[in-house]
C-alpha atoms as a PDB file:
ATOM      1  CA  MET A   1      53.153 -58.601  26.088  1.00  0.00           C
ATOM      2  CA  ASP A   2      49.676 -59.265  27.444  1.00  0.00           C
ATOM      3  CA  ILE A   3      48.069 -56.134  28.898  1.00  0.00           C
ATOM      4  CA  TRP A   4      44.868 -57.740  30.200  1.00  0.00           C
ATOM      5  CA  PRO A   5      46.256 -58.884  33.569  1.00  0.00           C
ATOM      6  CA  THR A   6      47.380 -55.316  34.221  1.00  0.00           C
ATOM      7  CA  VAL A   7      43.963 -53.937  33.267  1.00  0.00           C
ATOM      8  CA  ALA A   8      42.262 -56.560  35.441  1.00  0.00           C
ATOM      9  CA  ALA A   9      44.457 -55.521  38.381  1.00  0.00           C
ATOM     10  CA  LEU A  10      43.570 -51.838  37.935  1.00  0.00           C
ATOM     11  CA  ILE A  11      39.794 -52.270  37.579  1.00  0.00           C
ATOM     12  CA  PRO A  12      39.085 -52.616  41.350  1.00  0.00           C
ATOM     13  CA  SER A  13      41.057 -49.447  42.113  1.00  0.00           C
ATOM     14  CA  ILE A  14      39.284 -47.530  39.366  1.00  0.00           C
ATOM     15  CA  GLY A  15      35.918 -48.805  40.623  1.00  0.00           C
ATOM     16  CA  VAL A  16      36.671 -47.673  44.167  1.00  0.00           C
ATOM     17  CA  GLY A  17      37.782 -44.300  42.822  1.00  0.00           C
ATOM     18  CA  VAL A  18      34.527 -43.888  40.889  1.00  0.00           C
ATOM     19  CA  LEU A  19      32.467 -44.870  43.951  1.00  0.00           C
ATOM     20  CA  PHE A  20      34.413 -42.384  46.087  1.00  0.00           C
ATOM     21  CA  TYR A  21      33.826 -39.634  43.519  1.00  0.00           C
ATOM     22  CA  VAL A  22      30.092 -40.350  43.365  1.00  0.00           C
ATOM     23  CA  ALA A  23      29.779 -40.449  47.160  1.00  0.00           C
ATOM     24  CA  MET A  24      31.719 -37.206  47.654  1.00  0.00           C
ATOM     25  CA  ARG A  25      29.712 -35.471  44.927  1.00  0.00           C
ATOM     26  CA  ALA A  26      26.472 -36.524  46.628  1.00  0.00           C
ATOM     27  CA  ILE A  27      27.734 -35.277  50.002  1.00  0.00           C
ATOM     28  CA  VAL A  28      28.810 -31.911  48.590  1.00  0.00           C
ATOM     29  CA  ARG A  29      25.508 -31.455  46.743  1.00  0.00           C
ATOM     30  CA  ALA A  30      23.508 -32.352  49.849  1.00  0.00           C
ATOM     31  CA  ASP A  31      25.537 -29.874  51.899  1.00  0.00           C
ATOM     32  CA  ARG A  32      25.015 -27.149  49.300  1.00  0.00           C
ATOM     33  CA  ASN A  33      21.267 -27.782  49.231  1.00  0.00           C
ATOM     34  CA  GLU A  34      21.059 -27.819  53.027  1.00  0.00           C
ATOM     35  CA  ARG A  35      22.928 -24.510  53.292  1.00  0.00           C
ATOM     36  CA  ALA A  36      20.606 -22.940  50.722  1.00  0.00           C
ATOM     37  CA  ALA A  37      17.543 -24.209  52.579  1.00  0.00           C
ATOM     38  CA  LEU A  38      18.861 -22.885  55.888  1.00  0.00           C
ATOM     39  CA  ALA A  39      19.589 -19.504  54.301  1.00  0.00           C
ATOM     40  CA  ARG A  40      16.010 -19.342  52.994  1.00  0.00           C
ATOM     41  CA  LEU A  41      14.670 -20.308  56.419  1.00  0.00           C
ATOM     42  CA  ASP A  42      16.816 -17.687  58.157  1.00  0.00           C
ATOM     43  CA  GLU A  43      15.644 -15.052  55.689  1.00  0.00           C
ATOM     44  CA  GLU A  44      11.990 -15.953  56.275  1.00  0.00           C
ATOM     45  CA  GLU A  45      12.480 -15.838  60.040  1.00  0.00           C
ATOM     46  CA  ALA A  46      14.207 -12.462  59.795  1.00  0.00           C
ATOM     47  CA  ARG A  47      11.349 -11.087  57.697  1.00  0.00           C
ATOM     48  CA  ALA A  48       8.796 -12.402  60.186  1.00  0.00           C
ATOM     49  CA  ALA A  49      10.701 -10.903  63.106  1.00  0.00           C
ATOM     50  CA  ALA A  50      11.012  -7.580  61.302  1.00  0.00           C
ATOM     51  CA  ALA A  51       7.300  -7.579  60.523  1.00  0.00           C
ATOM     52  CA  GLN A  52       6.438  -8.170  64.184  1.00  0.00           C
ATOM     53  CA  ALA A  53       8.894  -5.541  65.412  1.00  0.00           C
ATOM     54  CA  ALA A  54       7.744  -2.853  62.995  1.00  0.00           C
ATOM     55  CA  PRO A  55       5.384  -0.356  64.604  1.00  0.00           C
ATOM     56  CA  VAL A  56       1.888  -0.347  63.205  1.00  0.00           C
ATOM     57  CA  ARG A  57       0.753   3.128  62.225  1.00  0.00           C
ATOM     58  CA  GLU A  58      -2.897   3.882  61.953  1.00  0.00           C
ATOM     59  CA  PRO A  59      -4.141   7.123  60.405  1.00  0.00           C
END
């Protein structure tokens, strides 16, 4: 029994699966990085707003 025709038939499907995995991994990583960047930005904005809202006391 020759297995090579079966392997040759499966290679395109495996290749598409690998490409899908790589693309989805890149999308998930980009989303994670974007959420982290937005959280940092929101934190900085909240600190700036709190600093402006805080009353300034002078002795």
